[in-house]
Amino acid sequence: MSTTPPCGDFRYTVRACCQTSALAEEFADWLRGGHLADVVAAGALDAELLRLDDSASSPAITLEVRYRFTDRAAFEAYERDHAPRLREEGRHRFPAERGIVFTRSTATVVG
């Protein structure tokens, strides 16, 4: 029996830890207002925005965006050709001084 990897076997995740609920809502509005669509237009298959449950026990709120790419090569093309501009826009609107900390990770789907 042969198996083929699912379409969209590469993931890119961005976490944003926001120090206030107002900042988290502003960031989520910005994402929903066009940034998610911009990343999809730049190569992602789709995107989803989540508020992590552990945010309920902390004054900080963690939002997570999960982007799905067809493969690592598609993600690398996104990083090379589009990510610098899109990340700069985010850093300009949401600098660390405003109380938001970003972390990024990538993963390959293995099952």
PDB file of N, CA and C in Angstrom:
ATOM      1  N   MET A   1       0.845  -1.171   0.000  1.00  0.00           N
ATOM      2  CA  MET A   1       0.000   0.000   0.000  1.00  0.00           C
ATOM      3  C   MET A   1       0.894   1.239   0.000  1.00  0.00           C
ATOM      4  N   SER A   2       0.678   2.131  -0.933  1.00  0.00           N
ATOM      5  CA  SER A   2       1.476   3.357  -0.950  1.00  0.00           C
ATOM      6  C   SER A   2       0.679   4.490  -0.333  1.00  0.00           C
ATOM      7  N   THR A   3       1.397   5.342   0.343  1.00  0.00           N
ATOM      8  CA  THR A   3       0.743   6.509   0.931  1.00  0.00           C
ATOM      9  C   THR A   3       1.398   7.751   0.372  1.00  0.00           C
ATOM     10  N   THR A   4       0.614   8.750   0.194  1.00  0.00           N
ATOM     11  CA  THR A   4       1.143  10.026  -0.267  1.00  0.00           C
ATOM     12  C   THR A   4       0.883  11.058   0.810  1.00  0.00           C
ATOM     13  N   PRO A   5       1.818  11.989   0.982  1.00  0.00           N
ATOM     14  CA  PRO A   5       1.599  12.990   1.997  1.00  0.00           C
ATOM     15  C   PRO A   5       0.396  13.852   1.642  1.00  0.00           C
ATOM     16  N   PRO A   6      -0.315  14.345   2.657  1.00  0.00           N
ATOM     17  CA  PRO A   6      -1.474  15.185   2.392  1.00  0.00           C
ATOM     18  C   PRO A   6      -1.054  16.505   1.754  1.00  0.00           C
ATOM     19  N   CYS A   7      -1.955  17.074   0.980  1.00  0.00           N
ATOM     20  CA  CYS A   7      -1.696  18.400   0.429  1.00  0.00           C
ATOM     21  C   CYS A   7      -1.587  19.362   1.603  1.00  0.00           C
ATOM     22  N   GLY A   8      -0.543  20.130   1.633  1.00  0.00           N
ATOM     23  CA  GLY A   8      -0.357  21.048   2.741  1.00  0.00           C
ATOM     24  C   GLY A   8       0.360  20.377   3.886  1.00  0.00           C
ATOM     25  N   ASP A   9       1.493  19.761   3.583  1.00  0.00           N
ATOM     26  CA  ASP A   9       2.187  18.995   4.618  1.00  0.00           C
ATOM     27  C   ASP A   9       3.233  19.800   5.380  1.00  0.00           C
ATOM     28  N   PHE A  10       3.242  21.115   5.200  1.00  0.00           N
ATOM     29  CA  PHE A  10       4.194  21.956   5.921  1.00  0.00           C
ATOM     30  C   PHE A  10       3.429  23.049   6.657  1.00  0.00           C
ATOM     31  N   ARG A  11       3.799  23.273   7.903  1.00  0.00           N
ATOM     32  CA  ARG A  11       3.109  24.263   8.743  1.00  0.00           C
ATOM     33  C   ARG A  11       4.071  25.342   9.219  1.00  0.00           C
ATOM     34  N   TYR A  12       3.530  26.538   9.316  1.00  0.00           N
ATOM     35  CA  TYR A  12       4.253  27.693   9.853  1.00  0.00           C
ATOM     36  C   TYR A  12       3.345  28.306  10.907  1.00  0.00           C
ATOM     37  N   THR A  13       3.857  28.415  12.122  1.00  0.00           N
ATOM     38  CA  THR A  13       3.066  28.902  13.246  1.00  0.00           C
ATOM     39  C   THR A  13       3.707  30.151  13.826  1.00  0.00           C
ATOM     40  N   VAL A  14       2.876  31.154  14.065  1.00  0.00           N
ATOM     41  CA  VAL A  14       3.322  32.387  14.712  1.00  0.00           C
ATOM     42  C   VAL A  14       2.499  32.555  15.974  1.00  0.00           C
ATOM     43  N   ARG A  15       3.180  32.692  17.104  1.00  0.00           N
ATOM     44  CA  ARG A  15       2.512  32.971  18.382  1.00  0.00           C
ATOM     45  C   ARG A  15       2.772  34.407  18.772  1.00  0.00           C
ATOM     46  N   ALA A  16       1.740  35.048  19.264  1.00  0.00           N
ATOM     47  CA  ALA A  16       1.843  36.425  19.745  1.00  0.00           C
ATOM     48  C   ALA A  16       1.313  36.465  21.163  1.00  0.00           C
ATOM     49  N   CYS A  17       2.192  36.753  22.104  1.00  0.00           N
ATOM     50  CA  CYS A  17       1.799  36.883  23.503  1.00  0.00           C
ATOM     51  C   CYS A  17       1.555  38.368  23.765  1.00  0.00           C
ATOM     52  N   CYS A  18       0.310  38.711  24.019  1.00  0.00           N
ATOM     53  CA  CYS A  18      -0.114  40.103  24.198  1.00  0.00           C
ATOM     54  C   CYS A  18      -0.369  40.365  25.677  1.00  0.00           C
ATOM     55  N   GLN A  19       0.143  41.466  26.185  1.00  0.00           N
ATOM     56  CA  GLN A  19       0.049  41.759  27.609  1.00  0.00           C
ATOM     57  C   GLN A  19      -1.324  42.247  28.058  1.00  0.00           C
ATOM     58  N   THR A  20      -2.166  42.683  27.127  1.00  0.00           N
ATOM     59  CA  THR A  20      -3.515  43.127  27.495  1.00  0.00           C
ATOM     60  C   THR A  20      -4.531  42.564  26.512  1.00  0.00           C
ATOM     61  N   SER A  21      -5.763  42.462  26.955  1.00  0.00           N
ATOM     62  CA  SER A  21      -6.818  41.986  26.069  1.00  0.00           C
ATOM     63  C   SER A  21      -7.082  42.989  24.950  1.00  0.00           C
ATOM     64  N   ALA A  22      -6.936  44.277  25.239  1.00  0.00           N
ATOM     65  CA  ALA A  22      -7.136  45.292  24.196  1.00  0.00           C
ATOM     66  C   ALA A  22      -6.103  45.128  23.087  1.00  0.00           C
ATOM     67  N   LEU A  23      -4.858  44.875  23.451  1.00  0.00           N
ATOM     68  CA  LEU A  23      -3.805  44.670  22.457  1.00  0.00           C
ATOM     69  C   LEU A  23      -4.070  43.395  21.662  1.00  0.00           C
ATOM     70  N   ALA A  24      -4.496  42.338  22.341  1.00  0.00           N
ATOM     71  CA  ALA A  24      -4.801  41.077  21.660  1.00  0.00           C
ATOM     72  C   ALA A  24      -5.926  41.284  20.652  1.00  0.00           C
ATOM     73  N   GLU A  25      -6.946  42.027  21.024  1.00  0.00           N
ATOM     74  CA  GLU A  25      -8.064  42.271  20.109  1.00  0.00           C
ATOM     75  C   GLU A  25      -7.625  43.126  18.922  1.00  0.00           C
ATOM     76  N   GLU A  26      -6.803  44.130  19.178  1.00  0.00           N
ATOM     77  CA  GLU A  26      -6.289  44.964  18.090  1.00  0.00           C
ATOM     78  C   GLU A  26      -5.457  44.130  17.115  1.00  0.00           C
ATOM     79  N   PHE A  27      -4.610  43.262  17.653  1.00  0.00           N
ATOM     80  CA  PHE A  27      -3.784  42.405  16.807  1.00  0.00           C
ATOM     81  C   PHE A  27      -4.651  41.441  15.998  1.00  0.00           C
ATOM     82  N   ALA A  28      -5.640  40.827  16.657  1.00  0.00           N
ATOM     83  CA  ALA A  28      -6.538  39.901  15.955  1.00  0.00           C
ATOM     84  C   ALA A  28      -7.313  40.627  14.860  1.00  0.00           C
ATOM     85  N   ASP A  29      -7.761  41.836  15.132  1.00  0.00           N
ATOM     86  CA  ASP A  29      -8.475  42.615  14.112  1.00  0.00           C
ATOM     87  C   ASP A  29      -7.580  42.885  12.906  1.00  0.00           C
ATOM     88  N   TRP A  30      -6.312  43.219  13.171  1.00  0.00           N
ATOM     89  CA  TRP A  30      -5.363  43.468  12.081  1.00  0.00           C
ATOM     90  C   TRP A  30      -5.152  42.203  11.251  1.00  0.00           C
ATOM     91  N   LEU A  31      -5.015  41.062  11.935  1.00  0.00           N
ATOM     92  CA  LEU A  31      -4.841  39.801  11.219  1.00  0.00           C
ATOM     93  C   LEU A  31      -6.056  39.514  10.336  1.00  0.00           C
ATOM     94  N   ARG A  32      -7.249  39.588  10.929  1.00  0.00           N
ATOM     95  CA  ARG A  32      -8.483  39.294  10.187  1.00  0.00           C
ATOM     96  C   ARG A  32      -8.759  40.348   9.120  1.00  0.00           C
ATOM     97  N   GLY A  33      -8.271  41.568   9.326  1.00  0.00           N
ATOM     98  CA  GLY A  33      -8.523  42.663   8.400  1.00  0.00           C
ATOM     99  C   GLY A  33      -7.678  42.643   7.146  1.00  0.00           C
ATOM    100  N   GLY A  34      -6.797  41.664   6.998  1.00  0.00           N
ATOM    101  CA  GLY A  34      -6.038  41.589   5.764  1.00  0.00           C
ATOM    102  C   GLY A  34      -4.733  40.826   5.827  1.00  0.00           C
ATOM    103  N   HIS A  35      -4.087  40.799   6.991  1.00  0.00           N
ATOM    104  CA  HIS A  35      -2.775  40.150   7.045  1.00  0.00           C
ATOM    105  C   HIS A  35      -2.860  38.658   6.724  1.00  0.00           C
ATOM    106  N   LEU A  36      -3.849  37.959   7.285  1.00  0.00           N
ATOM    107  CA  LEU A  36      -3.985  36.529   6.993  1.00  0.00           C
ATOM    108  C   LEU A  36      -4.173  36.315   5.489  1.00  0.00           C
ATOM    109  N   ALA A  37      -5.021  37.104   4.882  1.00  0.00           N
ATOM    110  CA  ALA A  37      -5.264  37.003   3.439  1.00  0.00           C
ATOM    111  C   ALA A  37      -3.998  37.331   2.646  1.00  0.00           C
ATOM    112  N   ASP A  38      -3.197  38.282   3.142  1.00  0.00           N
ATOM    113  CA  ASP A  38      -1.950  38.624   2.458  1.00  0.00           C
ATOM    114  C   ASP A  38      -0.984  37.445   2.446  1.00  0.00           C
ATOM    115  N   VAL A  39      -0.899  36.724   3.563  1.00  0.00           N
ATOM    116  CA  VAL A  39      -0.001  35.564   3.620  1.00  0.00           C
ATOM    117  C   VAL A  39      -0.518  34.455   2.716  1.00  0.00           C
ATOM    118  N   VAL A  40      -1.832  34.264   2.679  1.00  0.00           N
ATOM    119  CA  VAL A  40      -2.398  33.264   1.776  1.00  0.00           C
ATOM    120  C   VAL A  40      -2.127  33.667   0.326  1.00  0.00           C
ATOM    121  N   ALA A  41      -2.297  34.926   0.001  1.00  0.00           N
ATOM    122  CA  ALA A  41      -2.012  35.395  -1.358  1.00  0.00           C
ATOM    123  C   ALA A  41      -0.534  35.234  -1.716  1.00  0.00           C
ATOM    124  N   ALA A  42       0.321  35.235  -0.699  1.00  0.00           N
ATOM    125  CA  ALA A  42       1.768  35.128  -0.914  1.00  0.00           C
ATOM    126  C   ALA A  42       2.253  33.679  -0.928  1.00  0.00           C
ATOM    127  N   GLY A  43       1.339  32.701  -0.778  1.00  0.00           N
ATOM    128  CA  GLY A  43       1.776  31.325  -0.921  1.00  0.00           C
ATOM    129  C   GLY A  43       1.189  30.306   0.038  1.00  0.00           C
ATOM    130  N   ALA A  44       0.624  30.728   1.158  1.00  0.00           N
ATOM    131  CA  ALA A  44       0.021  29.759   2.071  1.00  0.00           C
ATOM    132  C   ALA A  44      -1.274  29.227   1.469  1.00  0.00           C
ATOM    133  N   LEU A  45      -1.616  27.999   1.804  1.00  0.00           N
ATOM    134  CA  LEU A  45      -2.882  27.433   1.344  1.00  0.00           C
ATOM    135  C   LEU A  45      -4.045  28.001   2.135  1.00  0.00           C
ATOM    136  N   ASP A  46      -3.843  28.171   3.438  1.00  0.00           N
ATOM    137  CA  ASP A  46      -4.869  28.743   4.295  1.00  0.00           C
ATOM    138  C   ASP A  46      -4.241  29.151   5.619  1.00  0.00           C
ATOM    139  N   ALA A  47      -5.065  29.747   6.466  1.00  0.00           N
ATOM    140  CA  ALA A  47      -4.593  30.222   7.767  1.00  0.00           C
ATOM    141  C   ALA A  47      -5.732  30.113   8.769  1.00  0.00           C
ATOM    142  N   GLU A  48      -5.372  29.864  10.019  1.00  0.00           N
ATOM    143  CA  GLU A  48      -6.375  29.893  11.074  1.00  0.00           C
ATOM    144  C   GLU A  48      -5.803  30.631  12.272  1.00  0.00           C
ATOM    145  N   LEU A  49      -6.674  31.366  12.945  1.00  0.00           N
ATOM    146  CA  LEU A  49      -6.302  32.158  14.111  1.00  0.00           C
ATOM    147  C   LEU A  49      -6.936  31.535  15.330  1.00  0.00           C
ATOM    148  N   LEU A  50      -6.114  31.292  16.363  1.00  0.00           N
ATOM    149  CA  LEU A  50      -6.594  30.676  17.589  1.00  0.00           C
ATOM    150  C   LEU A  50      -6.204  31.522  18.790  1.00  0.00           C
ATOM    151  N   ARG A  51      -7.038  31.487  19.806  1.00  0.00           N
ATOM    152  CA  ARG A  51      -6.694  32.039  21.116  1.00  0.00           C
ATOM    153  C   ARG A  51      -6.448  30.828  22.005  1.00  0.00           C
ATOM    154  N   LEU A  52      -5.236  30.721  22.539  1.00  0.00           N
ATOM    155  CA  LEU A  52      -4.882  29.539  23.320  1.00  0.00           C
ATOM    156  C   LEU A  52      -5.616  29.535  24.653  1.00  0.00           C
ATOM    157  N   ASP A  53      -6.061  28.357  25.049  1.00  0.00           N
ATOM    158  CA  ASP A  53      -6.819  28.207  26.282  1.00  0.00           C
ATOM    159  C   ASP A  53      -6.045  28.631  27.512  1.00  0.00           C
ATOM    160  N   ASP A  54      -4.728  28.427  27.512  1.00  0.00           N
ATOM    161  CA  ASP A  54      -3.954  28.798  28.702  1.00  0.00           C
ATOM    162  C   ASP A  54      -3.983  30.301  28.946  1.00  0.00           C
ATOM    163  N   SER A  55      -4.511  31.061  27.993  1.00  0.00           N
ATOM    164  CA  SER A  55      -4.645  32.500  28.181  1.00  0.00           C
ATOM    165  C   SER A  55      -5.661  32.819  29.274  1.00  0.00           C
ATOM    166  N   ALA A  56      -6.580  31.891  29.540  1.00  0.00           N
ATOM    167  CA  ALA A  56      -7.619  32.153  30.532  1.00  0.00           C
ATOM    168  C   ALA A  56      -7.060  32.263  31.947  1.00  0.00           C
ATOM    169  N   SER A  57      -5.920  31.636  32.227  1.00  0.00           N
ATOM    170  CA  SER A  57      -5.361  31.651  33.578  1.00  0.00           C
ATOM    171  C   SER A  57      -4.260  32.686  33.749  1.00  0.00           C
ATOM    172  N   SER A  58      -4.099  33.545  32.770  1.00  0.00           N
ATOM    173  CA  SER A  58      -3.025  34.527  32.811  1.00  0.00           C
ATOM    174  C   SER A  58      -3.555  35.866  32.326  1.00  0.00           C
ATOM    175  N   PRO A  59      -2.985  36.957  32.834  1.00  0.00           N
ATOM    176  CA  PRO A  59      -3.407  38.257  32.299  1.00  0.00           C
ATOM    177  C   PRO A  59      -2.967  38.450  30.845  1.00  0.00           C
ATOM    178  N   ALA A  60      -1.908  37.753  30.445  1.00  0.00           N
ATOM    179  CA  ALA A  60      -1.453  37.819  29.051  1.00  0.00           C
ATOM    180  C   ALA A  60      -2.339  36.912  28.200  1.00  0.00           C
ATOM    181  N   ILE A  61      -2.527  37.293  26.962  1.00  0.00           N
ATOM    182  CA  ILE A  61      -3.340  36.515  26.028  1.00  0.00           C
ATOM    183  C   ILE A  61      -2.437  36.076  24.884  1.00  0.00           C
ATOM    184  N   THR A  62      -2.465  34.777  24.608  1.00  0.00           N
ATOM    185  CA  THR A  62      -1.646  34.256  23.520  1.00  0.00           C
ATOM    186  C   THR A  62      -2.536  33.895  22.342  1.00  0.00           C
ATOM    187  N   LEU A  63      -2.225  34.515  21.220  1.00  0.00           N
ATOM    188  CA  LEU A  63      -2.883  34.195  19.958  1.00  0.00           C
ATOM    189  C   LEU A  63      -1.902  33.393  19.114  1.00  0.00           C
ATOM    190  N   GLU A  64      -2.431  32.464  18.349  1.00  0.00           N
ATOM    191  CA  GLU A  64      -1.588  31.642  17.497  1.00  0.00           C
ATOM    192  C   GLU A  64      -2.183  31.607  16.104  1.00  0.00           C
ATOM    193  N   VAL A  65      -1.336  31.827  15.106  1.00  0.00           N
ATOM    194  CA  VAL A  65      -1.760  31.725  13.713  1.00  0.00           C
ATOM    195  C   VAL A  65      -1.046  30.528  13.114  1.00  0.00           C
ATOM    196  N   ARG A  66      -1.821  29.668  12.498  1.00  0.00           N
ATOM    197  CA  ARG A  66      -1.265  28.481  11.846  1.00  0.00           C
ATOM    198  C   ARG A  66      -1.502  28.592  10.346  1.00  0.00           C
ATOM    199  N   TYR A  67      -0.402  28.625   9.620  1.00  0.00           N
ATOM    200  CA  TYR A  67      -0.459  28.688   8.164  1.00  0.00           C
ATOM    201  C   TYR A  67      -0.085  27.319   7.608  1.00  0.00           C
ATOM    202  N   ARG A  68      -0.750  26.924   6.543  1.00  0.00           N
ATOM    203  CA  ARG A  68      -0.482  25.645   5.893  1.00  0.00           C
ATOM    204  C   ARG A  68       0.087  25.925   4.509  1.00  0.00           C
ATOM    205  N   PHE A  69       1.227  25.299   4.208  1.00  0.00           N
ATOM    206  CA  PHE A  69       1.884  25.412   2.902  1.00  0.00           C
ATOM    207  C   PHE A  69       1.947  24.033   2.265  1.00  0.00           C
ATOM    208  N   THR A  70       2.020  23.989   0.938  1.00  0.00           N
ATOM    209  CA  THR A  70       2.074  22.687   0.267  1.00  0.00           C
ATOM    210  C   THR A  70       3.312  21.906   0.665  1.00  0.00           C
ATOM    211  N   ASP A  71       4.439  22.602   0.826  1.00  0.00           N
ATOM    212  CA  ASP A  71       5.679  21.923   1.193  1.00  0.00           C
ATOM    213  C   ASP A  71       6.691  22.970   1.666  1.00  0.00           C
ATOM    214  N   ARG A  72       7.842  22.494   2.081  1.00  0.00           N
ATOM    215  CA  ARG A  72       8.883  23.393   2.589  1.00  0.00           C
ATOM    216  C   ARG A  72       9.340  24.385   1.515  1.00  0.00           C
ATOM    217  N   ALA A  73       9.412  23.939   0.275  1.00  0.00           N
ATOM    218  CA  ALA A  73       9.849  24.824  -0.803  1.00  0.00           C
ATOM    219  C   ALA A  73       8.891  26.010  -0.966  1.00  0.00           C
ATOM    220  N   ALA A  74       7.597  25.764  -0.858  1.00  0.00           N
ATOM    221  CA  ALA A  74       6.616  26.858  -0.953  1.00  0.00           C
ATOM    222  C   ALA A  74       6.791  27.826   0.211  1.00  0.00           C
ATOM    223  N   PHE A  75       7.045  27.298   1.405  1.00  0.00           N
ATOM    224  CA  PHE A  75       7.289  28.169   2.554  1.00  0.00           C
ATOM    225  C   PHE A  75       8.568  28.973   2.358  1.00  0.00           C
ATOM    226  N   GLU A  76       9.613  28.335   1.887  1.00  0.00           N
ATOM    227  CA  GLU A  76      10.874  29.049   1.668  1.00  0.00           C
ATOM    228  C   GLU A  76      10.717  30.155   0.628  1.00  0.00           C
ATOM    229  N   ALA A  77       9.921  29.928  -0.393  1.00  0.00           N
ATOM    230  CA  ALA A  77       9.646  30.984  -1.378  1.00  0.00           C
ATOM    231  C   ALA A  77       8.894  32.133  -0.706  1.00  0.00           C
ATOM    232  N   TYR A  78       7.929  31.806   0.140  1.00  0.00           N
ATOM    233  CA  TYR A  78       7.209  32.840   0.897  1.00  0.00           C
ATOM    234  C   TYR A  78       8.189  33.633   1.764  1.00  0.00           C
ATOM    235  N   GLU A  79       9.028  32.938   2.501  1.00  0.00           N
ATOM    236  CA  GLU A  79       9.994  33.627   3.375  1.00  0.00           C
ATOM    237  C   GLU A  79      10.936  34.527   2.589  1.00  0.00           C
ATOM    238  N   ARG A  80      11.392  34.080   1.461  1.00  0.00           N
ATOM    239  CA  ARG A  80      12.333  34.844   0.652  1.00  0.00           C
ATOM    240  C   ARG A  80      11.668  36.046  -0.015  1.00  0.00           C
ATOM    241  N   ASP A  81      10.484  35.839  -0.589  1.00  0.00           N
ATOM    242  CA  ASP A  81       9.885  36.847  -1.459  1.00  0.00           C
ATOM    243  C   ASP A  81       8.861  37.766  -0.787  1.00  0.00           C
ATOM    244  N   HIS A  82       8.261  37.318   0.316  1.00  0.00           N
ATOM    245  CA  HIS A  82       7.149  38.087   0.886  1.00  0.00           C
ATOM    246  C   HIS A  82       7.247  38.358   2.387  1.00  0.00           C
ATOM    247  N   ALA A  83       7.811  37.423   3.134  1.00  0.00           N
ATOM    248  CA  ALA A  83       7.828  37.556   4.593  1.00  0.00           C
ATOM    249  C   ALA A  83       8.512  38.822   5.086  1.00  0.00           C
ATOM    250  N   PRO A  84       9.647  39.239   4.521  1.00  0.00           N
ATOM    251  CA  PRO A  84      10.285  40.453   5.050  1.00  0.00           C
ATOM    252  C   PRO A  84       9.345  41.667   5.064  1.00  0.00           C
ATOM    253  N   ARG A  85       8.616  41.867   3.984  1.00  0.00           N
ATOM    254  CA  ARG A  85       7.691  43.003   3.900  1.00  0.00           C
ATOM    255  C   ARG A  85       6.527  42.836   4.883  1.00  0.00           C
ATOM    256  N   LEU A  86       5.949  41.651   4.937  1.00  0.00           N
ATOM    257  CA  LEU A  86       4.801  41.429   5.804  1.00  0.00           C
ATOM    258  C   LEU A  86       5.198  41.495   7.280  1.00  0.00           C
ATOM    259  N   ARG A  87       6.355  40.962   7.616  1.00  0.00           N
ATOM    260  CA  ARG A  87       6.818  41.033   9.009  1.00  0.00           C
ATOM    261  C   ARG A  87       7.132  42.461   9.412  1.00  0.00           C
ATOM    262  N   GLU A  88       7.691  43.225   8.508  1.00  0.00           N
ATOM    263  CA  GLU A  88       8.006  44.622   8.824  1.00  0.00           C
ATOM    264  C   GLU A  88       6.737  45.406   9.118  1.00  0.00           C
ATOM    265  N   GLU A  89       5.700  45.156   8.368  1.00  0.00           N
ATOM    266  CA  GLU A  89       4.425  45.827   8.637  1.00  0.00           C
ATOM    267  C   GLU A  89       3.935  45.483  10.047  1.00  0.00           C
ATOM    268  N   GLY A  90       4.038  44.210  10.416  1.00  0.00           N
ATOM    269  CA  GLY A  90       3.625  43.794  11.757  1.00  0.00           C
ATOM    270  C   GLY A  90       4.479  44.415  12.845  1.00  0.00           C
ATOM    271  N   ARG A  91       5.783  44.445  12.630  1.00  0.00           N
ATOM    272  CA  ARG A  91       6.686  45.059  13.630  1.00  0.00           C
ATOM    273  C   ARG A  91       6.430  46.551  13.775  1.00  0.00           C
ATOM    274  N   HIS A  92       6.078  47.197  12.677  1.00  0.00           N
ATOM    275  CA  HIS A  92       5.791  48.629  12.722  1.00  0.00           C
ATOM    276  C   HIS A  92       4.513  48.904  13.528  1.00  0.00           C
ATOM    277  N   ARG A  93       3.493  48.107  13.307  1.00  0.00           N
ATOM    278  CA  ARG A  93       2.216  48.304  14.007  1.00  0.00           C
ATOM    279  C   ARG A  93       2.245  47.785  15.438  1.00  0.00           C
ATOM    280  N   PHE A  94       3.034  46.736  15.670  1.00  0.00           N
ATOM    281  CA  PHE A  94       3.042  46.069  16.978  1.00  0.00           C
ATOM    282  C   PHE A  94       4.474  45.840  17.466  1.00  0.00           C
ATOM    283  N   PRO A  95       5.198  46.918  17.757  1.00  0.00           N
ATOM    284  CA  PRO A  95       6.569  46.750  18.256  1.00  0.00           C
ATOM    285  C   PRO A  95       6.553  46.154  19.664  1.00  0.00           C
ATOM    286  N   ALA A  96       7.673  45.596  20.056  1.00  0.00           N
ATOM    287  CA  ALA A  96       7.785  44.964  21.376  1.00  0.00           C
ATOM    288  C   ALA A  96       7.417  45.927  22.505  1.00  0.00           C
ATOM    289  N   GLU A  97       7.691  47.203  22.318  1.00  0.00           N
ATOM    290  CA  GLU A  97       7.399  48.189  23.364  1.00  0.00           C
ATOM    291  C   GLU A  97       5.906  48.264  23.682  1.00  0.00           C
ATOM    292  N   ARG A  98       5.068  47.805  22.778  1.00  0.00           N
ATOM    293  CA  ARG A  98       3.623  47.833  23.014  1.00  0.00           C
ATOM    294  C   ARG A  98       3.162  46.668  23.878  1.00  0.00           C
ATOM    295  N   GLY A  99       4.047  45.707  24.131  1.00  0.00           N
ATOM    296  CA  GLY A  99       3.681  44.594  24.996  1.00  0.00           C
ATOM    297  C   GLY A  99       3.265  43.338  24.256  1.00  0.00           C
ATOM    298  N   ILE A 100       3.907  43.084  23.128  1.00  0.00           N
ATOM    299  CA  ILE A 100       3.618  41.877  22.361  1.00  0.00           C
ATOM    300  C   ILE A 100       4.943  41.188  22.021  1.00  0.00           C
ATOM    301  N   VAL A 101       4.981  39.886  22.232  1.00  0.00           N
ATOM    302  CA  VAL A 101       6.185  39.101  21.961  1.00  0.00           C
ATOM    303  C   VAL A 101       5.818  38.011  20.965  1.00  0.00           C
ATOM    304  N   PHE A 102       6.580  37.932  19.877  1.00  0.00           N
ATOM    305  CA  PHE A 102       6.326  36.959  18.820  1.00  0.00           C
ATOM    306  C   PHE A 102       7.314  35.807  18.897  1.00  0.00           C
ATOM    307  N   THR A 103       6.822  34.600  18.615  1.00  0.00           N
ATOM    308  CA  THR A 103       7.688  33.445  18.389  1.00  0.00           C
ATOM    309  C   THR A 103       7.162  32.745  17.142  1.00  0.00           C
ATOM    310  N   ARG A 104       8.068  32.112  16.427  1.00  0.00           N
ATOM    311  CA  ARG A 104       7.709  31.433  15.187  1.00  0.00           C
ATOM    312  C   ARG A 104       8.274  30.009  15.216  1.00  0.00           C
ATOM    313  N   SER A 105       7.554  29.102  14.577  1.00  0.00           N
ATOM    314  CA  SER A 105       8.057  27.739  14.429  1.00  0.00           C
ATOM    315  C   SER A 105       7.540  27.151  13.120  1.00  0.00           C
ATOM    316  N   THR A 106       8.229  26.122  12.653  1.00  0.00           N
ATOM    317  CA  THR A 106       7.810  25.410  11.453  1.00  0.00           C
ATOM    318  C   THR A 106       7.764  23.916  11.769  1.00  0.00           C
ATOM    319  N   ALA A 107       6.994  23.196  10.969  1.00  0.00           N
ATOM    320  CA  ALA A 107       6.882  21.765  11.181  1.00  0.00           C
ATOM    321  C   ALA A 107       6.458  21.086   9.888  1.00  0.00           C
ATOM    322  N   THR A 108       6.869  19.840   9.758  1.00  0.00           N
ATOM    323  CA  THR A 108       6.433  18.999   8.648  1.00  0.00           C
ATOM    324  C   THR A 108       5.457  17.965   9.181  1.00  0.00           C
ATOM    325  N   VAL A 109       4.329  17.803   8.509  1.00  0.00           N
ATOM    326  CA  VAL A 109       3.336  16.811   8.907  1.00  0.00           C
ATOM    327  C   VAL A 109       3.902  15.428   8.599  1.00  0.00           C
ATOM    328  N   VAL A 110       3.896  14.553   9.583  1.00  0.00           N
ATOM    329  CA  VAL A 110       4.421  13.204   9.398  1.00  0.00           C
ATOM    330  C   VAL A 110       3.338  12.126   9.524  1.00  0.00           C
ATOM    331  N   GLY A 111       2.159  12.519   9.787  1.00  0.00           N
ATOM    332  CA  GLY A 111       1.083  11.528   9.891  1.00  0.00           C
ATOM    333  C   GLY A 111      -0.225  12.155  10.220  1.00  0.00           C
TER     334      GLY A 111
END
